[in-house]
N, C-alpha and C. Protein backbone atom coordinates (compact mmCIF):
# COMPACT_ATOMS: atom_id res chain seq x y z
N MET A 1 -7.68 11.98 -9.01
CA MET A 1 -8.45 11.91 -7.79
C MET A 1 -9.32 10.66 -7.81
N LYS A 2 -9.37 9.99 -6.70
CA LYS A 2 -10.13 8.75 -6.60
C LYS A 2 -11.63 9.03 -6.61
N ASN A 3 -12.33 8.09 -7.15
CA ASN A 3 -13.78 8.15 -7.13
C ASN A 3 -14.23 7.97 -5.69
N LYS A 4 -14.90 8.98 -5.11
CA LYS A 4 -15.31 8.92 -3.70
C LYS A 4 -16.28 7.77 -3.45
N ASN A 5 -17.04 7.40 -4.47
CA ASN A 5 -17.98 6.29 -4.31
C ASN A 5 -17.24 4.98 -4.04
N LEU A 6 -16.07 4.82 -4.65
CA LEU A 6 -15.29 3.59 -4.44
C LEU A 6 -14.86 3.47 -2.98
N LEU A 7 -14.50 4.57 -2.38
CA LEU A 7 -14.02 4.53 -1.00
C LEU A 7 -15.12 4.13 -0.01
N GLN A 8 -16.36 4.25 -0.43
CA GLN A 8 -17.49 3.90 0.44
C GLN A 8 -17.89 2.43 0.31
N LEU A 9 -17.34 1.73 -0.68
CA LEU A 9 -17.70 0.33 -0.91
C LEU A 9 -16.94 -0.59 0.03
N SER A 10 -17.47 -1.78 0.22
CA SER A 10 -16.79 -2.78 1.05
C SER A 10 -15.58 -3.33 0.30
N ASP A 11 -14.70 -3.99 1.03
CA ASP A 11 -13.52 -4.60 0.41
C ASP A 11 -13.94 -5.63 -0.64
N ALA A 12 -14.92 -6.46 -0.33
CA ALA A 12 -15.37 -7.50 -1.26
C ALA A 12 -15.89 -6.87 -2.56
N GLU A 13 -16.61 -5.76 -2.44
CA GLU A 13 -17.11 -5.08 -3.63
C GLU A 13 -15.96 -4.49 -4.44
N LEU A 14 -14.98 -3.92 -3.75
CA LEU A 14 -13.82 -3.37 -4.45
C LEU A 14 -13.03 -4.45 -5.17
N VAL A 15 -12.91 -5.63 -4.56
CA VAL A 15 -12.22 -6.75 -5.20
C VAL A 15 -12.94 -7.13 -6.49
N LYS A 16 -14.25 -7.24 -6.44
CA LYS A 16 -15.03 -7.59 -7.64
C LYS A 16 -14.85 -6.54 -8.74
N ILE A 17 -14.89 -5.28 -8.35
CA ILE A 17 -14.73 -4.20 -9.33
C ILE A 17 -13.33 -4.24 -9.93
N PHE A 18 -12.31 -4.47 -9.10
CA PHE A 18 -10.94 -4.57 -9.63
C PHE A 18 -10.82 -5.75 -10.59
N GLN A 19 -11.38 -6.88 -10.22
CA GLN A 19 -11.29 -8.07 -11.06
C GLN A 19 -12.05 -7.89 -12.38
N SER A 20 -12.98 -6.96 -12.41
CA SER A 20 -13.68 -6.68 -13.66
C SER A 20 -12.94 -5.66 -14.51
N GLY A 21 -11.79 -5.17 -14.02
CA GLY A 21 -10.93 -4.32 -14.84
C GLY A 21 -10.76 -2.88 -14.39
N ASN A 22 -11.28 -2.50 -13.25
CA ASN A 22 -11.17 -1.12 -12.78
C ASN A 22 -10.00 -1.02 -11.79
N ALA A 23 -8.88 -0.44 -12.24
CA ALA A 23 -7.68 -0.33 -11.42
C ALA A 23 -7.88 0.63 -10.24
N GLU A 24 -8.82 1.56 -10.35
CA GLU A 24 -9.07 2.49 -9.24
C GLU A 24 -9.57 1.75 -8.00
N ALA A 25 -10.25 0.63 -8.20
CA ALA A 25 -10.73 -0.15 -7.06
C ALA A 25 -9.55 -0.74 -6.29
N TYR A 26 -8.52 -1.19 -7.01
CA TYR A 26 -7.32 -1.70 -6.36
C TYR A 26 -6.63 -0.56 -5.59
N GLU A 27 -6.55 0.61 -6.21
CA GLU A 27 -5.94 1.76 -5.54
C GLU A 27 -6.71 2.12 -4.27
N ALA A 28 -8.02 1.98 -4.29
CA ALA A 28 -8.82 2.25 -3.10
C ALA A 28 -8.50 1.25 -1.99
N LEU A 29 -8.29 -0.01 -2.37
CA LEU A 29 -7.91 -1.03 -1.38
C LEU A 29 -6.54 -0.70 -0.78
N VAL A 30 -5.61 -0.30 -1.63
CA VAL A 30 -4.27 0.05 -1.16
C VAL A 30 -4.36 1.24 -0.20
N GLU A 31 -5.12 2.25 -0.60
CA GLU A 31 -5.27 3.43 0.24
C GLU A 31 -5.91 3.08 1.59
N ARG A 32 -6.88 2.21 1.57
CA ARG A 32 -7.62 1.85 2.78
C ARG A 32 -6.76 1.03 3.75
N HIS A 33 -5.89 0.15 3.22
CA HIS A 33 -5.22 -0.82 4.10
C HIS A 33 -3.71 -0.62 4.27
N SER A 34 -3.09 0.29 3.53
CA SER A 34 -1.63 0.42 3.58
C SER A 34 -1.10 0.78 4.96
N GLU A 35 -1.73 1.73 5.61
CA GLU A 35 -1.23 2.17 6.92
C GLU A 35 -1.30 1.03 7.94
N ASP A 36 -2.41 0.30 7.94
CA ASP A 36 -2.56 -0.83 8.85
C ASP A 36 -1.51 -1.90 8.57
N LEU A 37 -1.30 -2.21 7.29
CA LEU A 37 -0.30 -3.23 6.93
C LEU A 37 1.11 -2.77 7.32
N LYS A 38 1.38 -1.49 7.12
CA LYS A 38 2.71 -0.97 7.49
C LYS A 38 2.93 -1.12 9.00
N ASN A 39 1.94 -0.79 9.79
CA ASN A 39 2.05 -0.95 11.25
C ASN A 39 2.21 -2.42 11.63
N PHE A 40 1.46 -3.29 10.97
CA PHE A 40 1.53 -4.72 11.22
C PHE A 40 2.94 -5.24 10.92
N LEU A 41 3.49 -4.85 9.76
CA LEU A 41 4.83 -5.29 9.37
C LEU A 41 5.90 -4.72 10.30
N THR A 42 5.70 -3.50 10.77
CA THR A 42 6.66 -2.88 11.69
C THR A 42 6.76 -3.70 12.97
N CYS A 43 5.64 -4.25 13.42
CA CYS A 43 5.65 -5.10 14.62
C CYS A 43 6.34 -6.44 14.36
N LEU A 44 6.26 -6.94 13.14
CA LEU A 44 6.81 -8.26 12.83
C LEU A 44 8.29 -8.27 12.48
N LEU A 45 8.76 -7.21 11.83
CA LEU A 45 10.13 -7.20 11.31
C LEU A 45 11.10 -6.57 12.30
N ILE A 46 12.20 -7.25 12.53
CA ILE A 46 13.23 -6.72 13.40
C ILE A 46 13.95 -5.57 12.71
N ASN A 47 14.28 -5.77 11.44
CA ASN A 47 14.95 -4.75 10.65
C ASN A 47 13.89 -3.81 10.08
N LYS A 48 13.68 -2.67 10.71
CA LYS A 48 12.60 -1.74 10.34
C LYS A 48 12.82 -1.12 8.96
N THR A 49 14.07 -1.16 8.46
CA THR A 49 14.33 -0.59 7.14
C THR A 49 13.72 -1.42 6.03
N LEU A 50 13.33 -2.65 6.34
CA LEU A 50 12.74 -3.53 5.32
C LEU A 50 11.22 -3.40 5.21
N VAL A 51 10.60 -2.66 6.11
CA VAL A 51 9.14 -2.58 6.15
C VAL A 51 8.56 -2.13 4.81
N CYS A 52 9.09 -1.05 4.26
CA CYS A 52 8.54 -0.52 3.00
C CYS A 52 8.75 -1.50 1.84
N ASP A 53 9.90 -2.17 1.83
CA ASP A 53 10.16 -3.16 0.77
C ASP A 53 9.17 -4.32 0.87
N VAL A 54 8.97 -4.82 2.06
CA VAL A 54 8.06 -5.94 2.25
C VAL A 54 6.62 -5.51 1.96
N LEU A 55 6.27 -4.30 2.37
CA LEU A 55 4.93 -3.79 2.08
C LEU A 55 4.68 -3.74 0.57
N GLN A 56 5.67 -3.30 -0.17
CA GLN A 56 5.55 -3.26 -1.63
C GLN A 56 5.41 -4.68 -2.20
N ASP A 57 6.19 -5.61 -1.66
CA ASP A 57 6.08 -7.01 -2.09
C ASP A 57 4.68 -7.56 -1.81
N VAL A 58 4.14 -7.20 -0.66
CA VAL A 58 2.80 -7.67 -0.27
C VAL A 58 1.77 -7.15 -1.26
N TRP A 59 1.83 -5.85 -1.57
CA TRP A 59 0.83 -5.29 -2.50
C TRP A 59 0.97 -5.87 -3.91
N LEU A 60 2.20 -6.18 -4.31
CA LEU A 60 2.38 -6.83 -5.62
C LEU A 60 1.77 -8.23 -5.59
N ALA A 61 2.02 -8.97 -4.52
CA ALA A 61 1.45 -10.32 -4.39
C ALA A 61 -0.08 -10.26 -4.37
N VAL A 62 -0.63 -9.29 -3.66
CA VAL A 62 -2.09 -9.12 -3.60
C VAL A 62 -2.63 -8.82 -4.99
N PHE A 63 -1.96 -7.92 -5.69
CA PHE A 63 -2.37 -7.57 -7.05
C PHE A 63 -2.43 -8.81 -7.94
N LEU A 64 -1.36 -9.60 -7.91
CA LEU A 64 -1.30 -10.79 -8.75
C LEU A 64 -2.35 -11.83 -8.33
N LYS A 65 -2.51 -12.02 -7.03
CA LYS A 65 -3.49 -13.00 -6.55
C LYS A 65 -4.92 -12.58 -6.92
N LEU A 66 -5.23 -11.31 -6.75
CA LEU A 66 -6.57 -10.84 -7.11
C LEU A 66 -6.80 -10.94 -8.61
N GLN A 67 -5.79 -10.61 -9.36
CA GLN A 67 -5.91 -10.66 -10.81
C GLN A 67 -6.15 -12.08 -11.30
N HIS A 68 -5.60 -13.04 -10.60
CA HIS A 68 -5.74 -14.44 -11.01
C HIS A 68 -6.89 -15.14 -10.28
N GLY A 69 -7.69 -14.38 -9.55
CA GLY A 69 -8.86 -14.94 -8.89
C GLY A 69 -8.55 -15.79 -7.68
N ASN A 70 -7.41 -15.55 -7.02
CA ASN A 70 -7.01 -16.34 -5.85
C ASN A 70 -7.49 -15.71 -4.54
N TYR A 71 -8.70 -15.20 -4.55
CA TYR A 71 -9.31 -14.66 -3.35
C TYR A 71 -10.77 -15.11 -3.36
N GLU A 72 -11.19 -15.67 -2.24
CA GLU A 72 -12.58 -16.11 -2.12
C GLU A 72 -13.35 -15.08 -1.31
N GLU A 73 -14.50 -14.71 -1.81
CA GLU A 73 -15.29 -13.66 -1.19
C GLU A 73 -15.67 -13.99 0.26
N LYS A 74 -15.75 -15.28 0.59
CA LYS A 74 -16.13 -15.66 1.95
C LYS A 74 -15.05 -15.28 2.97
N ASN A 75 -13.82 -15.04 2.50
CA ASN A 75 -12.72 -14.67 3.40
C ASN A 75 -12.82 -13.19 3.79
N ASN A 76 -12.35 -12.88 4.97
CA ASN A 76 -12.22 -11.50 5.41
C ASN A 76 -11.00 -10.91 4.71
N PHE A 77 -11.19 -9.84 3.95
CA PHE A 77 -10.11 -9.29 3.15
C PHE A 77 -8.92 -8.85 4.00
N GLN A 78 -9.18 -8.16 5.10
CA GLN A 78 -8.09 -7.68 5.94
C GLN A 78 -7.29 -8.84 6.55
N LYS A 79 -7.99 -9.88 6.94
CA LYS A 79 -7.32 -11.06 7.48
C LYS A 79 -6.47 -11.73 6.40
N TRP A 80 -7.01 -11.80 5.19
CA TRP A 80 -6.28 -12.37 4.04
C TRP A 80 -5.02 -11.55 3.77
N LEU A 81 -5.15 -10.21 3.79
CA LEU A 81 -4.00 -9.32 3.59
C LEU A 81 -2.93 -9.56 4.65
N ARG A 82 -3.36 -9.64 5.91
CA ARG A 82 -2.41 -9.85 6.99
C ARG A 82 -1.72 -11.21 6.90
N THR A 83 -2.41 -12.19 6.38
CA THR A 83 -1.78 -13.50 6.19
C THR A 83 -0.66 -13.40 5.15
N ILE A 84 -0.94 -12.73 4.06
CA ILE A 84 0.07 -12.53 3.02
C ILE A 84 1.25 -11.73 3.59
N ALA A 85 0.93 -10.66 4.34
CA ALA A 85 1.98 -9.83 4.94
C ALA A 85 2.81 -10.63 5.95
N HIS A 86 2.14 -11.46 6.74
CA HIS A 86 2.84 -12.28 7.73
C HIS A 86 3.82 -13.23 7.03
N HIS A 87 3.35 -13.90 5.98
CA HIS A 87 4.23 -14.81 5.24
C HIS A 87 5.43 -14.07 4.64
N ALA A 88 5.18 -12.89 4.08
CA ALA A 88 6.27 -12.11 3.49
C ALA A 88 7.27 -11.67 4.56
N ALA A 89 6.76 -11.25 5.72
CA ALA A 89 7.65 -10.83 6.81
C ALA A 89 8.47 -12.00 7.34
N MET A 90 7.85 -13.15 7.48
CA MET A 90 8.58 -14.32 7.98
C MET A 90 9.64 -14.76 6.97
N TYR A 91 9.29 -14.71 5.70
CA TYR A 91 10.27 -15.06 4.66
C TYR A 91 11.46 -14.10 4.74
N THR A 92 11.18 -12.82 4.85
CA THR A 92 12.24 -11.82 4.91
C THR A 92 13.08 -11.99 6.16
N SER A 93 12.44 -12.26 7.27
CA SER A 93 13.18 -12.45 8.53
C SER A 93 14.08 -13.68 8.46
N ARG A 94 13.56 -14.75 7.86
CA ARG A 94 14.36 -15.99 7.76
C ARG A 94 15.59 -15.78 6.90
N THR A 95 15.42 -15.13 5.79
CA THR A 95 16.54 -14.98 4.86
C THR A 95 17.43 -13.81 5.23
N GLU A 96 16.88 -12.84 5.98
CA GLU A 96 17.59 -11.62 6.36
C GLU A 96 18.29 -10.97 5.18
N ARG A 97 17.59 -10.97 4.07
CA ARG A 97 18.13 -10.32 2.88
C ARG A 97 17.56 -8.91 2.80
N LYS A 98 18.39 -8.02 2.44
CA LYS A 98 17.91 -6.67 2.14
C LYS A 98 17.76 -6.61 0.63
N TYR A 99 16.54 -6.43 0.18
CA TYR A 99 16.29 -6.42 -1.25
C TYR A 99 16.78 -5.12 -1.86
N VAL A 100 17.68 -5.28 -2.82
CA VAL A 100 18.19 -4.12 -3.53
C VAL A 100 17.69 -4.23 -4.95
N HIS A 101 16.82 -3.32 -5.32
CA HIS A 101 16.24 -3.33 -6.65
C HIS A 101 17.21 -2.70 -7.63
N ASP A 102 17.25 -3.23 -8.82
CA ASP A 102 18.10 -2.69 -9.87
C ASP A 102 17.42 -1.45 -10.43
N GLU A 103 17.93 -0.27 -10.08
CA GLU A 103 17.29 0.97 -10.48
C GLU A 103 17.27 1.15 -11.99
N ARG A 104 18.27 0.62 -12.68
CA ARG A 104 18.28 0.77 -14.13
C ARG A 104 17.15 -0.01 -14.78
N LYS A 105 16.72 -1.10 -14.15
CA LYS A 105 15.67 -1.93 -14.74
C LYS A 105 14.28 -1.50 -14.31
N LEU A 106 14.10 -1.20 -13.02
CA LEU A 106 12.76 -0.88 -12.52
C LEU A 106 12.58 0.58 -12.17
N ASN A 107 13.65 1.29 -11.83
CA ASN A 107 13.64 2.72 -11.55
C ASN A 107 12.57 3.12 -10.54
N LEU A 108 12.37 2.32 -9.50
CA LEU A 108 11.35 2.63 -8.50
C LEU A 108 11.91 3.36 -7.28
N LEU A 109 13.20 3.19 -7.01
CA LEU A 109 13.75 3.79 -5.80
C LEU A 109 14.11 5.25 -5.97
N ALA A 110 14.40 5.68 -7.19
CA ALA A 110 14.88 7.03 -7.41
C ALA A 110 13.77 8.07 -7.46
N VAL A 111 12.53 7.63 -7.41
CA VAL A 111 11.41 8.56 -7.52
C VAL A 111 10.56 8.49 -6.27
N SER A 112 9.73 9.49 -6.10
CA SER A 112 8.85 9.48 -4.94
C SER A 112 7.50 10.07 -5.32
N GLY A 113 6.55 9.92 -4.42
CA GLY A 113 5.24 10.53 -4.58
C GLY A 113 4.47 10.07 -5.79
N LYS A 114 3.91 11.05 -6.49
CA LYS A 114 3.05 10.78 -7.64
C LYS A 114 3.78 10.02 -8.75
N GLU A 115 5.05 10.39 -8.98
CA GLU A 115 5.83 9.74 -10.03
C GLU A 115 6.03 8.25 -9.70
N LYS A 116 6.26 7.95 -8.42
CA LYS A 116 6.44 6.56 -8.00
C LYS A 116 5.15 5.78 -8.23
N ASN A 117 4.00 6.38 -7.92
CA ASN A 117 2.72 5.71 -8.16
C ASN A 117 2.51 5.46 -9.65
N ASN A 118 2.90 6.42 -10.48
CA ASN A 118 2.78 6.23 -11.93
C ASN A 118 3.68 5.09 -12.41
N HIS A 119 4.89 5.03 -11.88
CA HIS A 119 5.81 3.95 -12.26
C HIS A 119 5.27 2.60 -11.80
N ARG A 120 4.70 2.57 -10.60
CA ARG A 120 4.12 1.33 -10.07
C ARG A 120 2.97 0.86 -10.97
N LYS A 121 2.12 1.80 -11.39
CA LYS A 121 1.01 1.45 -12.28
C LYS A 121 1.52 0.88 -13.60
N ILE A 122 2.58 1.49 -14.13
CA ILE A 122 3.17 1.00 -15.38
C ILE A 122 3.71 -0.41 -15.18
N LEU A 123 4.40 -0.64 -14.07
CA LEU A 123 4.95 -1.96 -13.79
C LEU A 123 3.83 -2.99 -13.65
N TYR A 124 2.78 -2.66 -12.89
CA TYR A 124 1.66 -3.59 -12.71
C TYR A 124 0.98 -3.89 -14.04
N ARG A 125 0.81 -2.86 -14.86
CA ARG A 125 0.19 -3.06 -16.17
C ARG A 125 1.06 -3.98 -17.03
N ALA A 126 2.36 -3.75 -17.00
CA ALA A 126 3.26 -4.59 -17.79
C ALA A 126 3.25 -6.03 -17.27
N LEU A 127 3.27 -6.21 -15.96
CA LEU A 127 3.22 -7.56 -15.39
C LEU A 127 1.93 -8.28 -15.76
N SER A 128 0.85 -7.54 -15.86
CA SER A 128 -0.45 -8.17 -16.17
C SER A 128 -0.48 -8.75 -17.58
N HIS A 129 0.44 -8.32 -18.45
CA HIS A 129 0.49 -8.85 -19.81
C HIS A 129 1.30 -10.15 -19.90
N LEU A 130 1.92 -10.54 -18.80
CA LEU A 130 2.71 -11.77 -18.78
C LEU A 130 1.83 -12.94 -18.34
N SER A 131 2.26 -14.14 -18.69
CA SER A 131 1.56 -15.34 -18.21
C SER A 131 1.78 -15.46 -16.71
N ALA A 132 0.95 -16.24 -16.05
CA ALA A 132 1.08 -16.43 -14.61
C ALA A 132 2.45 -17.03 -14.28
N HIS A 133 2.92 -17.95 -15.10
CA HIS A 133 4.23 -18.59 -14.89
C HIS A 133 5.35 -17.55 -14.97
N ALA A 134 5.29 -16.70 -15.99
CA ALA A 134 6.31 -15.67 -16.17
C ALA A 134 6.26 -14.65 -15.03
N GLN A 135 5.06 -14.29 -14.59
CA GLN A 135 4.92 -13.37 -13.47
C GLN A 135 5.58 -13.94 -12.22
N ARG A 136 5.35 -15.23 -11.96
CA ARG A 136 5.95 -15.87 -10.78
C ARG A 136 7.47 -15.79 -10.84
N ILE A 137 8.03 -16.07 -12.02
CA ILE A 137 9.49 -16.07 -12.17
C ILE A 137 10.04 -14.67 -11.94
N ILE A 138 9.42 -13.66 -12.53
CA ILE A 138 9.87 -12.27 -12.34
C ILE A 138 9.79 -11.87 -10.87
N VAL A 139 8.68 -12.17 -10.23
CA VAL A 139 8.50 -11.80 -8.82
C VAL A 139 9.51 -12.54 -7.94
N LEU A 140 9.68 -13.83 -8.17
CA LEU A 140 10.62 -14.59 -7.35
C LEU A 140 12.06 -14.11 -7.53
N HIS A 141 12.43 -13.75 -8.76
CA HIS A 141 13.81 -13.33 -9.01
C HIS A 141 14.04 -11.89 -8.57
N PHE A 142 13.20 -10.95 -9.03
CA PHE A 142 13.42 -9.54 -8.73
C PHE A 142 13.05 -9.17 -7.31
N PHE A 143 11.88 -9.61 -6.86
CA PHE A 143 11.37 -9.12 -5.59
C PHE A 143 11.70 -10.03 -4.42
N ARG A 144 11.93 -11.29 -4.67
CA ARG A 144 12.30 -12.21 -3.58
C ARG A 144 13.79 -12.52 -3.59
N GLY A 145 14.48 -12.18 -4.68
CA GLY A 145 15.92 -12.38 -4.74
C GLY A 145 16.37 -13.82 -4.90
N LEU A 146 15.47 -14.68 -5.37
CA LEU A 146 15.84 -16.09 -5.54
C LEU A 146 16.69 -16.27 -6.79
N SER A 147 17.60 -17.23 -6.73
CA SER A 147 18.41 -17.58 -7.91
C SER A 147 17.54 -18.41 -8.85
N PHE A 148 18.01 -18.57 -10.09
CA PHE A 148 17.26 -19.38 -11.04
C PHE A 148 17.16 -20.83 -10.57
N LYS A 149 18.21 -21.31 -9.91
CA LYS A 149 18.16 -22.67 -9.39
C LYS A 149 17.08 -22.81 -8.32
N GLU A 150 17.02 -21.84 -7.40
CA GLU A 150 16.00 -21.88 -6.34
C GLU A 150 14.59 -21.80 -6.93
N ILE A 151 14.44 -20.96 -7.97
CA ILE A 151 13.13 -20.84 -8.62
C ILE A 151 12.75 -22.15 -9.30
N SER A 152 13.72 -22.79 -9.97
CA SER A 152 13.44 -24.05 -10.66
C SER A 152 13.00 -25.13 -9.67
N LEU A 153 13.62 -25.16 -8.49
CA LEU A 153 13.23 -26.13 -7.48
C LEU A 153 11.83 -25.84 -6.95
N GLN A 154 11.53 -24.55 -6.75
CA GLN A 154 10.23 -24.16 -6.22
C GLN A 154 9.11 -24.44 -7.23
N LEU A 155 9.38 -24.21 -8.52
CA LEU A 155 8.36 -24.40 -9.55
C LEU A 155 8.34 -25.80 -10.15
N GLY A 156 9.36 -26.58 -9.85
CA GLY A 156 9.41 -27.95 -10.36
C GLY A 156 9.73 -28.03 -11.84
N VAL A 157 10.54 -27.10 -12.34
CA VAL A 157 10.97 -27.12 -13.74
C VAL A 157 12.49 -27.02 -13.78
N THR A 158 13.06 -27.18 -14.96
CA THR A 158 14.51 -27.13 -15.09
C THR A 158 15.01 -25.69 -15.00
N VAL A 159 16.30 -25.54 -14.67
CA VAL A 159 16.91 -24.22 -14.61
C VAL A 159 16.86 -23.57 -16.00
N GLY A 160 17.07 -24.36 -17.03
CA GLY A 160 17.00 -23.85 -18.40
C GLY A 160 15.63 -23.29 -18.74
N ALA A 161 14.60 -23.96 -18.29
CA ALA A 161 13.23 -23.48 -18.54
C ALA A 161 13.00 -22.15 -17.82
N VAL A 162 13.54 -22.04 -16.61
CA VAL A 162 13.38 -20.79 -15.85
C VAL A 162 14.12 -19.66 -16.54
N THR A 163 15.39 -19.88 -16.92
CA THR A 163 16.16 -18.80 -17.55
C THR A 163 15.55 -18.40 -18.89
N SER A 164 15.05 -19.37 -19.62
CA SER A 164 14.40 -19.06 -20.90
C SER A 164 13.13 -18.24 -20.69
N ALA A 165 12.29 -18.66 -19.76
CA ALA A 165 11.04 -17.94 -19.48
C ALA A 165 11.35 -16.54 -18.92
N TYR A 166 12.39 -16.45 -18.10
CA TYR A 166 12.79 -15.17 -17.53
C TYR A 166 13.24 -14.22 -18.64
N SER A 167 14.04 -14.72 -19.55
CA SER A 167 14.53 -13.88 -20.64
C SER A 167 13.39 -13.35 -21.50
N VAL A 168 12.46 -14.23 -21.85
CA VAL A 168 11.30 -13.83 -22.66
C VAL A 168 10.44 -12.83 -21.89
N ALA A 169 10.21 -13.10 -20.60
CA ALA A 169 9.39 -12.21 -19.79
C ALA A 169 10.04 -10.83 -19.65
N LEU A 170 11.36 -10.80 -19.46
CA LEU A 170 12.06 -9.53 -19.31
C LEU A 170 11.98 -8.72 -20.60
N LYS A 171 12.09 -9.37 -21.74
CA LYS A 171 11.95 -8.67 -23.02
C LYS A 171 10.56 -8.08 -23.16
N LYS A 172 9.54 -8.85 -22.76
CA LYS A 172 8.16 -8.34 -22.83
C LYS A 172 7.96 -7.17 -21.89
N LEU A 173 8.52 -7.28 -20.68
CA LEU A 173 8.40 -6.18 -19.71
C LEU A 173 9.06 -4.91 -20.25
N ARG A 174 10.25 -5.06 -20.79
CA ARG A 174 10.95 -3.90 -21.35
C ARG A 174 10.14 -3.27 -22.47
N ALA A 175 9.58 -4.12 -23.34
CA ALA A 175 8.79 -3.61 -24.46
C ALA A 175 7.55 -2.85 -23.96
N GLU A 176 6.97 -3.30 -22.85
CA GLU A 176 5.80 -2.64 -22.28
C GLU A 176 6.18 -1.37 -21.51
N ILE A 177 7.25 -1.45 -20.74
CA ILE A 177 7.60 -0.38 -19.81
C ILE A 177 8.29 0.80 -20.48
N ILE A 178 9.27 0.55 -21.29
CA ILE A 178 10.11 1.63 -21.83
C ILE A 178 9.29 2.70 -22.55
N PRO A 179 8.35 2.35 -23.44
CA PRO A 179 7.59 3.43 -24.10
C PRO A 179 6.75 4.26 -23.13
N LEU A 180 6.26 3.64 -22.06
CA LEU A 180 5.40 4.33 -21.10
C LEU A 180 6.19 5.15 -20.09
N TRP A 181 7.42 4.71 -19.80
CA TRP A 181 8.23 5.32 -18.75
C TRP A 181 8.54 6.78 -19.03
N TYR A 182 8.73 7.08 -20.30
CA TYR A 182 9.21 8.41 -20.66
C TYR A 182 8.13 9.29 -21.27
N LEU A 183 6.87 8.96 -21.03
CA LEU A 183 5.78 9.80 -21.53
C LEU A 183 5.69 11.09 -20.75
């Protein structure tokens, strides 16, 4: 159960609390803004079946950006969220890709409700142990569906560097996730 005091705090206060290490503050932000973001994405996306996938991508991007301090308190949090959601929706619309997650690797589609939230927390915790560079590669490959060549062009590194970093990051993710998955 969420701390009721957290739900009464402003978005800026919740961001500060999350950045200081309290994951419940992030959950409060997700709870507060998910419905609005879902409605916003529904208006933007032609293919309504992609709304939940894009919403999940948005929350992962927000998690990573907040964790790395890429949010300025002077910004309106909801406006910042909608900007991220808008960019994700436009990217999805341009590519018209339906993201199919590998269930054997992430196992997020086969579960629902509380179990899905637990799996998401495990994934976020595992991602937080990776370097920012490795996180970008994992997100771009798994969640955006980019090839290693596309990632190398976007990051300005060689394809070999991307595949090497991806391999190391995947091993670290597996080492973090597998023991926690079956608790």
